[in-house]
Amino acid sequence: MMVSPWFRFYLDYDPLPALQKIACPVLALNGEKDLQVSSKENLAKIQKALQDGGNKDFQTTECPV
């Protein structure tokens, strides 16, 4: 599975350029107990990408579940 095209794409994909292009309102949620993604780090990067792209209508929230 780790050499499948989908998994390689998943590992190599950088969502920041796409996030910088979003012009509509955004609500980004992450669970604090997520084992695959650090919610604090992930939300900070999402927030920065949206700000860098000029989006002013967004909210990032860490959910306590």
PDB file of N, CA and C in Angstrom:
ATOM      1  N   MET A   1       0.817  -1.198   0.000  1.00  0.00           N
ATOM      2  CA  MET A   1       0.000   0.000   0.000  1.00  0.00           C
ATOM      3  C   MET A   1       0.862   1.264   0.000  1.00  0.00           C
ATOM      4  N   MET A   2       1.988   1.234   0.675  1.00  0.00           N
ATOM      5  CA  MET A   2       2.808   2.448   0.792  1.00  0.00           C
ATOM      6  C   MET A   2       3.456   2.867  -0.523  1.00  0.00           C
ATOM      7  N   VAL A   3       3.446   2.015  -1.517  1.00  0.00           N
ATOM      8  CA  VAL A   3       4.005   2.391  -2.815  1.00  0.00           C
ATOM      9  C   VAL A   3       2.909   2.630  -3.850  1.00  0.00           C
ATOM     10  N   SER A   4       1.652   2.578  -3.432  1.00  0.00           N
ATOM     11  CA  SER A   4       0.556   2.813  -4.371  1.00  0.00           C
ATOM     12  C   SER A   4       0.563   4.272  -4.822  1.00  0.00           C
ATOM     13  N   PRO A   5       0.097   4.538  -6.024  1.00  0.00           N
ATOM     14  CA  PRO A   5       0.063   5.922  -6.520  1.00  0.00           C
ATOM     15  C   PRO A   5      -0.726   6.848  -5.585  1.00  0.00           C
ATOM     16  N   TRP A   6      -1.856   6.386  -5.060  1.00  0.00           N
ATOM     17  CA  TRP A   6      -2.656   7.231  -4.169  1.00  0.00           C
ATOM     18  C   TRP A   6      -1.860   7.595  -2.921  1.00  0.00           C
ATOM     19  N   PHE A   7      -1.205   6.624  -2.307  1.00  0.00           N
ATOM     20  CA  PHE A   7      -0.467   6.887  -1.081  1.00  0.00           C
ATOM     21  C   PHE A   7       0.694   7.831  -1.345  1.00  0.00           C
ATOM     22  N   ARG A   8       1.388   7.662  -2.457  1.00  0.00           N
ATOM     23  CA  ARG A   8       2.488   8.567  -2.813  1.00  0.00           C
ATOM     24  C   ARG A   8       1.953   9.990  -3.000  1.00  0.00           C
ATOM     25  N   PHE A   9       0.811  10.109  -3.692  1.00  0.00           N
ATOM     26  CA  PHE A   9       0.203  11.426  -3.873  1.00  0.00           C
ATOM     27  C   PHE A   9      -0.139  12.035  -2.521  1.00  0.00           C
ATOM     28  N   TYR A  10      -0.724  11.236  -1.642  1.00  0.00           N
ATOM     29  CA  TYR A  10      -1.110  11.691  -0.309  1.00  0.00           C
ATOM     30  C   TYR A  10       0.092  12.216   0.467  1.00  0.00           C
ATOM     31  N   LEU A  11       1.201  11.525   0.389  1.00  0.00           N
ATOM     32  CA  LEU A  11       2.408  11.947   1.109  1.00  0.00           C
ATOM     33  C   LEU A  11       3.057  13.180   0.493  1.00  0.00           C
ATOM     34  N   ASP A  12       2.976  13.291  -0.816  1.00  0.00           N
ATOM     35  CA  ASP A  12       3.655  14.382  -1.526  1.00  0.00           C
ATOM     36  C   ASP A  12       2.811  15.655  -1.653  1.00  0.00           C
ATOM     37  N   TYR A  13       1.504  15.545  -1.473  1.00  0.00           N
ATOM     38  CA  TYR A  13       0.617  16.690  -1.710  1.00  0.00           C
ATOM     39  C   TYR A  13       0.822  17.786  -0.674  1.00  0.00           C
ATOM     40  N   ASP A  14       0.963  19.005  -1.150  1.00  0.00           N
ATOM     41  CA  ASP A  14       1.094  20.180  -0.285  1.00  0.00           C
ATOM     42  C   ASP A  14      -0.161  21.031  -0.478  1.00  0.00           C
ATOM     43  N   PRO A  15      -1.059  21.089   0.509  1.00  0.00           N
ATOM     44  CA  PRO A  15      -2.305  21.834   0.338  1.00  0.00           C
ATOM     45  C   PRO A  15      -2.159  23.354   0.463  1.00  0.00           C
ATOM     46  N   LEU A  16      -1.010  23.842   0.894  1.00  0.00           N
ATOM     47  CA  LEU A  16      -0.864  25.283   1.132  1.00  0.00           C
ATOM     48  C   LEU A  16      -1.124  26.138  -0.104  1.00  0.00           C
ATOM     49  N   PRO A  17      -0.598  25.798  -1.282  1.00  0.00           N
ATOM     50  CA  PRO A  17      -0.906  26.632  -2.454  1.00  0.00           C
ATOM     51  C   PRO A  17      -2.405  26.688  -2.767  1.00  0.00           C
ATOM     52  N   ALA A  18      -3.105  25.576  -2.592  1.00  0.00           N
ATOM     53  CA  ALA A  18      -4.557  25.574  -2.832  1.00  0.00           C
ATOM     54  C   ALA A  18      -5.274  26.425  -1.779  1.00  0.00           C
ATOM     55  N   LEU A  19      -4.847  26.321  -0.520  1.00  0.00           N
ATOM     56  CA  LEU A  19      -5.460  27.123   0.541  1.00  0.00           C
ATOM     57  C   LEU A  19      -5.269  28.616   0.299  1.00  0.00           C
ATOM     58  N   GLN A  20      -4.133  28.988  -0.242  1.00  0.00           N
ATOM     59  CA  GLN A  20      -3.857  30.402  -0.512  1.00  0.00           C
ATOM     60  C   GLN A  20      -4.768  30.978  -1.595  1.00  0.00           C
ATOM     61  N   LYS A  21      -5.375  30.127  -2.403  1.00  0.00           N
ATOM     62  CA  LYS A  21      -6.239  30.576  -3.497  1.00  0.00           C
ATOM     63  C   LYS A  21      -7.716  30.636  -3.107  1.00  0.00           C
ATOM     64  N   ILE A  22      -8.070  30.156  -1.922  1.00  0.00           N
ATOM     65  CA  ILE A  22      -9.479  30.114  -1.515  1.00  0.00           C
ATOM     66  C   ILE A  22      -9.954  31.525  -1.167  1.00  0.00           C
ATOM     67  N   ALA A  23     -11.041  31.937  -1.817  1.00  0.00           N
ATOM     68  CA  ALA A  23     -11.572  33.275  -1.600  1.00  0.00           C
ATOM     69  C   ALA A  23     -12.906  33.257  -0.858  1.00  0.00           C
ATOM     70  N   CYS A  24     -13.503  32.105  -0.667  1.00  0.00           N
ATOM     71  CA  CYS A  24     -14.787  32.013   0.026  1.00  0.00           C
ATOM     72  C   CYS A  24     -14.564  31.811   1.529  1.00  0.00           C
ATOM     73  N   PRO A  25     -15.612  31.964   2.351  1.00  0.00           N
ATOM     74  CA  PRO A  25     -15.468  31.730   3.786  1.00  0.00           C
ATOM     75  C   PRO A  25     -15.003  30.304   4.080  1.00  0.00           C
ATOM     76  N   VAL A  26     -14.175  30.162   5.118  1.00  0.00           N
ATOM     77  CA  VAL A  26     -13.605  28.855   5.471  1.00  0.00           C
ATOM     78  C   VAL A  26     -13.802  28.604   6.963  1.00  0.00           C
ATOM     79  N   LEU A  27     -14.230  27.396   7.295  1.00  0.00           N
ATOM     80  CA  LEU A  27     -14.255  26.925   8.672  1.00  0.00           C
ATOM     81  C   LEU A  27     -13.374  25.680   8.717  1.00  0.00           C
ATOM     82  N   ALA A  28     -12.233  25.772   9.381  1.00  0.00           N
ATOM     83  CA  ALA A  28     -11.298  24.643   9.483  1.00  0.00           C
ATOM     84  C   ALA A  28     -11.368  24.092  10.901  1.00  0.00           C
ATOM     85  N   LEU A  29     -11.699  22.816  11.020  1.00  0.00           N
ATOM     86  CA  LEU A  29     -11.820  22.148  12.306  1.00  0.00           C
ATOM     87  C   LEU A  29     -10.822  21.008  12.393  1.00  0.00           C
ATOM     88  N   ASN A  30     -10.189  20.871  13.541  1.00  0.00           N
ATOM     89  CA  ASN A  30      -9.309  19.731  13.822  1.00  0.00           C
ATOM     90  C   ASN A  30      -9.604  19.248  15.230  1.00  0.00           C
ATOM     91  N   GLY A  31      -9.573  17.947  15.428  1.00  0.00           N
ATOM     92  CA  GLY A  31      -9.758  17.378  16.755  1.00  0.00           C
ATOM     93  C   GLY A  31      -8.431  17.319  17.500  1.00  0.00           C
ATOM     94  N   GLU A  32      -8.432  17.723  18.764  1.00  0.00           N
ATOM     95  CA  GLU A  32      -7.191  17.754  19.538  1.00  0.00           C
ATOM     96  C   GLU A  32      -6.615  16.365  19.797  1.00  0.00           C
ATOM     97  N   LYS A  33      -7.433  15.317  19.664  1.00  0.00           N
ATOM     98  CA  LYS A  33      -6.956  13.961  19.915  1.00  0.00           C
ATOM     99  C   LYS A  33      -6.600  13.209  18.629  1.00  0.00           C
ATOM    100  N   ASP A  34      -6.580  13.909  17.509  1.00  0.00           N
ATOM    101  CA  ASP A  34      -6.216  13.293  16.235  1.00  0.00           C
ATOM    102  C   ASP A  34      -4.793  12.756  16.332  1.00  0.00           C
ATOM    103  N   LEU A  35      -4.611  11.497  15.986  1.00  0.00           N
ATOM    104  CA  LEU A  35      -3.297  10.865  16.092  1.00  0.00           C
ATOM    105  C   LEU A  35      -2.451  11.041  14.833  1.00  0.00           C
ATOM    106  N   GLN A  36      -3.073  11.425  13.721  1.00  0.00           N
ATOM    107  CA  GLN A  36      -2.339  11.559  12.467  1.00  0.00           C
ATOM    108  C   GLN A  36      -1.856  12.981  12.213  1.00  0.00           C
ATOM    109  N   VAL A  37      -2.549  13.956  12.772  1.00  0.00           N
ATOM    110  CA  VAL A  37      -2.242  15.358  12.497  1.00  0.00           C
ATOM    111  C   VAL A  37      -2.228  16.133  13.810  1.00  0.00           C
ATOM    112  N   SER A  38      -1.181  16.891  14.037  1.00  0.00           N
ATOM    113  CA  SER A  38      -1.139  17.786  15.190  1.00  0.00           C
ATOM    114  C   SER A  38      -2.100  18.942  14.927  1.00  0.00           C
ATOM    115  N   SER A  39      -3.183  19.005  15.691  1.00  0.00           N
ATOM    116  CA  SER A  39      -4.210  20.009  15.400  1.00  0.00           C
ATOM    117  C   SER A  39      -3.683  21.431  15.529  1.00  0.00           C
ATOM    118  N   LYS A  40      -2.902  21.717  16.539  1.00  0.00           N
ATOM    119  CA  LYS A  40      -2.379  23.080  16.710  1.00  0.00           C
ATOM    120  C   LYS A  40      -1.488  23.479  15.538  1.00  0.00           C
ATOM    121  N   GLU A  41      -0.588  22.597  15.154  1.00  0.00           N
ATOM    122  CA  GLU A  41       0.322  22.888  14.035  1.00  0.00           C
ATOM    123  C   GLU A  41      -0.450  23.004  12.722  1.00  0.00           C
ATOM    124  N   ASN A  42      -1.369  22.077  12.491  1.00  0.00           N
ATOM    125  CA  ASN A  42      -2.134  22.065  11.253  1.00  0.00           C
ATOM    126  C   ASN A  42      -2.994  23.320  11.124  1.00  0.00           C
ATOM    127  N   LEU A  43      -3.703  23.679  12.181  1.00  0.00           N
ATOM    128  CA  LEU A  43      -4.560  24.861  12.128  1.00  0.00           C
ATOM    129  C   LEU A  43      -3.751  26.138  11.956  1.00  0.00           C
ATOM    130  N   ALA A  44      -2.590  26.206  12.570  1.00  0.00           N
ATOM    131  CA  ALA A  44      -1.728  27.390  12.405  1.00  0.00           C
ATOM    132  C   ALA A  44      -1.285  27.534  10.949  1.00  0.00           C
ATOM    133  N   LYS A  45      -0.950  26.423  10.313  1.00  0.00           N
ATOM    134  CA  LYS A  45      -0.527  26.478   8.906  1.00  0.00           C
ATOM    135  C   LYS A  45      -1.687  26.834   7.986  1.00  0.00           C
ATOM    136  N   ILE A  46      -2.861  26.291   8.280  1.00  0.00           N
ATOM    137  CA  ILE A  46      -4.046  26.651   7.490  1.00  0.00           C
ATOM    138  C   ILE A  46      -4.329  28.140   7.625  1.00  0.00           C
ATOM    139  N   GLN A  47      -4.299  28.646   8.852  1.00  0.00           N
ATOM    140  CA  GLN A  47      -4.551  30.069   9.093  1.00  0.00           C
ATOM    141  C   GLN A  47      -3.548  30.940   8.339  1.00  0.00           C
ATOM    142  N   LYS A  48      -2.278  30.592   8.401  1.00  0.00           N
ATOM    143  CA  LYS A  48      -1.243  31.372   7.717  1.00  0.00           C
ATOM    144  C   LYS A  48      -1.453  31.357   6.202  1.00  0.00           C
ATOM    145  N   ALA A  49      -1.769  30.193   5.648  1.00  0.00           N
ATOM    146  CA  ALA A  49      -1.976  30.098   4.202  1.00  0.00           C
ATOM    147  C   ALA A  49      -3.163  30.949   3.772  1.00  0.00           C
ATOM    148  N   LEU A  50      -4.246  30.910   4.532  1.00  0.00           N
ATOM    149  CA  LEU A  50      -5.410  31.720   4.192  1.00  0.00           C
ATOM    150  C   LEU A  50      -5.083  33.212   4.290  1.00  0.00           C
ATOM    151  N   GLN A  51      -4.384  33.612   5.336  1.00  0.00           N
ATOM    152  CA  GLN A  51      -3.985  35.017   5.485  1.00  0.00           C
ATOM    153  C   GLN A  51      -3.054  35.440   4.359  1.00  0.00           C
ATOM    154  N   ASP A  52      -2.077  34.592   4.041  1.00  0.00           N
ATOM    155  CA  ASP A  52      -1.134  34.914   2.961  1.00  0.00           C
ATOM    156  C   ASP A  52      -1.851  35.090   1.627  1.00  0.00           C
ATOM    157  N   GLY A  53      -2.945  34.354   1.435  1.00  0.00           N
ATOM    158  CA  GLY A  53      -3.721  34.458   0.206  1.00  0.00           C
ATOM    159  C   GLY A  53      -4.706  35.612   0.210  1.00  0.00           C
ATOM    160  N   GLY A  54      -4.807  36.329   1.324  1.00  0.00           N
ATOM    161  CA  GLY A  54      -5.693  37.484   1.393  1.00  0.00           C
ATOM    162  C   GLY A  54      -7.104  37.168   1.875  1.00  0.00           C
ATOM    163  N   ASN A  55      -7.355  35.951   2.300  1.00  0.00           N
ATOM    164  CA  ASN A  55      -8.679  35.598   2.794  1.00  0.00           C
ATOM    165  C   ASN A  55      -8.845  36.164   4.207  1.00  0.00           C
ATOM    166  N   LYS A  56      -9.911  36.938   4.386  1.00  0.00           N
ATOM    167  CA  LYS A  56     -10.165  37.548   5.696  1.00  0.00           C
ATOM    168  C   LYS A  56     -11.368  36.923   6.399  1.00  0.00           C
ATOM    169  N   ASP A  57     -12.061  36.025   5.714  1.00  0.00           N
ATOM    170  CA  ASP A  57     -13.284  35.434   6.255  1.00  0.00           C
ATOM    171  C   ASP A  57     -13.064  33.954   6.531  1.00  0.00           C
ATOM    172  N   PHE A  58     -12.403  33.673   7.664  1.00  0.00           N
ATOM    173  CA  PHE A  58     -12.154  32.280   8.026  1.00  0.00           C
ATOM    174  C   PHE A  58     -12.098  32.140   9.534  1.00  0.00           C
ATOM    175  N   GLN A  59     -12.297  30.904   9.967  1.00  0.00           N
ATOM    176  CA  GLN A  59     -12.181  30.578  11.380  1.00  0.00           C
ATOM    177  C   GLN A  59     -11.512  29.214  11.501  1.00  0.00           C
ATOM    178  N   THR A  60     -10.542  29.102  12.405  1.00  0.00           N
ATOM    179  CA  THR A  60      -9.923  27.818  12.680  1.00  0.00           C
ATOM    180  C   THR A  60     -10.224  27.467  14.139  1.00  0.00           C
ATOM    181  N   THR A  61     -10.633  26.221  14.353  1.00  0.00           N
ATOM    182  CA  THR A  61     -11.052  25.806  15.684  1.00  0.00           C
ATOM    183  C   THR A  61     -10.526  24.408  15.990  1.00  0.00           C
ATOM    184  N   GLU A  62      -9.975  24.268  17.196  1.00  0.00           N
ATOM    185  CA  GLU A  62      -9.551  22.961  17.683  1.00  0.00           C
ATOM    186  C   GLU A  62     -10.687  22.385  18.533  1.00  0.00           C
ATOM    187  N   CYS A  63     -11.181  21.223  18.143  1.00  0.00           N
ATOM    188  CA  CYS A  63     -12.297  20.587  18.845  1.00  0.00           C
ATOM    189  C   CYS A  63     -11.757  19.647  19.923  1.00  0.00           C
ATOM    190  N   PRO A  64     -12.332  19.689  21.127  1.00  0.00           N
ATOM    191  CA  PRO A  64     -11.817  18.881  22.232  1.00  0.00           C
ATOM    192  C   PRO A  64     -12.328  17.441  22.223  1.00  0.00           C
ATOM    193  N   VAL A  65     -12.318  16.803  21.093  1.00  0.00           N
ATOM    194  CA  VAL A  65     -12.768  15.402  21.009  1.00  0.00           C
ATOM    195  C   VAL A  65     -11.762  14.569  20.255  1.00  0.00           C
TER     196      VAL A  65
END
